[in-house]
C-alpha atoms as a PDB file:
ATOM      1  CA  MET A   1     132.502 100.883 103.015  1.00  0.00           C
ATOM      2  CA  CYS A   2     131.341 105.109 103.170  1.00  0.00           C
ATOM      3  CA  SER A   3     132.735 105.669 100.096  1.00  0.00           C
ATOM      4  CA  THR A   4     130.744 103.107  98.392  1.00  0.00           C
ATOM      5  CA  PHE A   5     127.712 104.120 100.229  1.00  0.00           C
ATOM      6  CA  PHE A   6     128.078 107.711  99.034  1.00  0.00           C
ATOM      7  CA  LEU A   7     128.729 106.746  95.276  1.00  0.00           C
ATOM      8  CA  LEU A   8     125.597 104.776  95.537  1.00  0.00           C
ATOM      9  CA  ARG A   9     123.677 107.611  96.897  1.00  0.00           C
ATOM     10  CA  ALA A  10     125.066 109.886  94.931  1.00  0.00           C
ATOM     11  CA  TYR A  11     124.087 107.769  91.679  1.00  0.00           C
ATOM     12  CA  TYR A  12     120.400 107.036  92.524  1.00  0.00           C
ATOM     13  CA  GLU A  13     119.912 110.707  93.640  1.00  0.00           C
ATOM     14  CA  GLY A  14     120.920 111.708  90.229  1.00  0.00           C
ATOM     15  CA  ALA A  15     118.855 109.389  88.539  1.00  0.00           C
ATOM     16  CA  LEU A  16     116.030 109.801  90.432  1.00  0.00           C
ATOM     17  CA  THR A  17     116.243 113.527  90.015  1.00  0.00           C
ATOM     18  CA  MET A  18     116.181 113.055  86.431  1.00  0.00           C
ATOM     19  CA  PHE A  19     113.262 110.862  86.416  1.00  0.00           C
ATOM     20  CA  PHE A  20     111.358 113.104  88.497  1.00  0.00           C
ATOM     21  CA  ALA A  21     112.334 116.428  86.356  1.00  0.00           C
ATOM     22  CA  LYS A  22     111.220 115.118  83.292  1.00  0.00           C
ATOM     23  CA  PRO A  23     108.163 116.364  81.994  1.00  0.00           C
ATOM     24  CA  VAL A  24     105.524 113.695  81.238  1.00  0.00           C
ATOM     25  CA  VAL A  25     104.512 114.489  77.655  1.00  0.00           C
ATOM     26  CA  VAL A  26     100.879 113.079  76.709  1.00  0.00           C
ATOM     27  CA  PRO A  27      99.366 113.191  73.419  1.00  0.00           C
ATOM     28  CA  PHE A  28      96.117 113.842  74.010  1.00  0.00           C
ATOM     29  CA  SER A  29      93.995 116.485  76.369  1.00  0.00           C
ATOM     30  CA  SER A  30      90.998 114.402  76.303  1.00  0.00           C
ATOM     31  CA  ILE A  31      89.032 111.188  76.391  1.00  0.00           C
ATOM     32  CA  THR A  32      87.743 111.159  73.193  1.00  0.00           C
ATOM     33  CA  GLN A  33      91.601 111.777  71.741  1.00  0.00           C
ATOM     34  CA  ALA A  34      92.734 109.335  74.001  1.00  0.00           C
ATOM     35  CA  LEU A  35      89.667 106.750  72.968  1.00  0.00           C
ATOM     36  CA  GLU A  36      91.350 107.600  69.283  1.00  0.00           C
ATOM     37  CA  ALA A  37      94.795 107.275  69.974  1.00  0.00           C
ATOM     38  CA  TYR A  38      94.061 103.416  69.926  1.00  0.00           C
ATOM     39  CA  PRO A  39      96.165 101.236  68.906  1.00  0.00           C
ATOM     40  CA  GLU A  40      99.190 103.292  69.637  1.00  0.00           C
ATOM     41  CA  TRP A  41      97.662 103.952  73.110  1.00  0.00           C
ATOM     42  CA  THR A  42      95.466 101.759  75.169  1.00  0.00           C
ATOM     43  CA  PHE A  43      92.493 103.138  76.875  1.00  0.00           C
ATOM     44  CA  MET A  44      91.193 101.104  80.015  1.00  0.00           C
ATOM     45  CA  TYR A  45      88.178 101.459  82.671  1.00  0.00           C
ATOM     46  CA  GLN A  46      87.396 100.006  85.762  1.00  0.00           C
ATOM     47  CA  THR A  47      84.411  97.732  85.807  1.00  0.00           C
ATOM     48  CA  GLY A  48      81.252  99.277  87.406  1.00  0.00           C
ATOM     49  CA  VAL A  49      80.973 102.370  85.226  1.00  0.00           C
ATOM     50  CA  GLU A  50      79.432 101.068  82.069  1.00  0.00           C
ATOM     51  CA  SER A  51      77.031 103.232  82.359  1.00  0.00           C
ATOM     52  CA  GLU A  52      79.099 106.337  81.603  1.00  0.00           C
ATOM     53  CA  PHE A  53      80.167 104.854  78.068  1.00  0.00           C
ATOM     54  CA  THR A  54      76.895 103.717  77.121  1.00  0.00           C
ATOM     55  CA  TYR A  55      75.690 107.092  77.650  1.00  0.00           C
ATOM     56  CA  HIS A  56      78.399 108.889  75.852  1.00  0.00           C
ATOM     57  CA  THR A  57      78.199 105.993  72.763  1.00  0.00           C
ATOM     58  CA  MET A  58      75.199 107.926  71.638  1.00  0.00           C
ATOM     59  CA  LEU A  59      76.986 111.236  71.474  1.00  0.00           C
ATOM     60  CA  ASP A  60      80.551 110.395  70.183  1.00  0.00           C
ATOM     61  CA  SER A  61      82.015 107.837  67.413  1.00  0.00           C
ATOM     62  CA  ALA A  62      85.060 107.462  69.557  1.00  0.00           C
ATOM     63  CA  TYR A  63      82.989 106.320  72.356  1.00  0.00           C
ATOM     64  CA  GLU A  64      80.895 103.952  70.181  1.00  0.00           C
ATOM     65  CA  ASN A  65      84.122 102.393  68.417  1.00  0.00           C
ATOM     66  CA  PHE A  66      85.577 101.700  71.845  1.00  0.00           C
ATOM     67  CA  TRP A  67      82.581 100.392  73.516  1.00  0.00           C
ATOM     68  CA  ARG A  68      82.235  97.874  70.791  1.00  0.00           C
ATOM     69  CA  ARG A  69      85.974  96.839  71.142  1.00  0.00           C
ATOM     70  CA  ALA A  70      85.119  96.526  74.805  1.00  0.00           C
ATOM     71  CA  GLN A  71      82.309  94.415  74.259  1.00  0.00           C
ATOM     72  CA  LEU A  72      84.433  92.118  71.905  1.00  0.00           C
ATOM     73  CA  ARG A  73      87.886  91.978  74.104  1.00  0.00           C
ATOM     74  CA  PRO A  74      86.939  92.811  77.795  1.00  0.00           C
ATOM     75  CA  GLU A  75      90.234  91.688  79.024  1.00  0.00           C
ATOM     76  CA  GLU A  76      92.016  94.455  77.165  1.00  0.00           C
ATOM     77  CA  THR A  77      89.534  97.161  77.743  1.00  0.00           C
ATOM     78  CA  SER A  78      88.706  96.659  81.682  1.00  0.00           C
ATOM     79  CA  PHE A  79      90.075  95.993  84.781  1.00  0.00           C
ATOM     80  CA  ASP A  80      88.339  94.839  88.384  1.00  0.00           C
ATOM     81  CA  SER A  81      90.595  96.636  90.761  1.00  0.00           C
ATOM     82  CA  ILE A  82      93.179  99.315  90.986  1.00  0.00           C
ATOM     83  CA  GLY A  83      95.823  96.151  91.879  1.00  0.00           C
ATOM     84  CA  TYR A  84      95.852  95.306  88.211  1.00  0.00           C
ATOM     85  CA  LEU A  85      97.340  98.365  87.253  1.00  0.00           C
ATOM     86  CA  PHE A  86     100.331  97.627  89.265  1.00  0.00           C
ATOM     87  CA  ASN A  87     100.932  94.342  88.139  1.00  0.00           C
END
């Protein structure tokens, strides 16, 4: 029993170490770049901050394109609560 526990513990510790040691690579460094990465990456916002997007749509075409898509398909671009992200 003890050897089985040790083997499982060693396996999972190694797997978790590898999981946490691997650097996360994100191919963009700004929201504009994230919006332009569609459809490879999907940008979502929490409902209630729509004013941020309506302001930026006047300044940036990437925001304008995103906002147009958000109006047509809100289920693909917005979420109500943070719990949605964990489902």
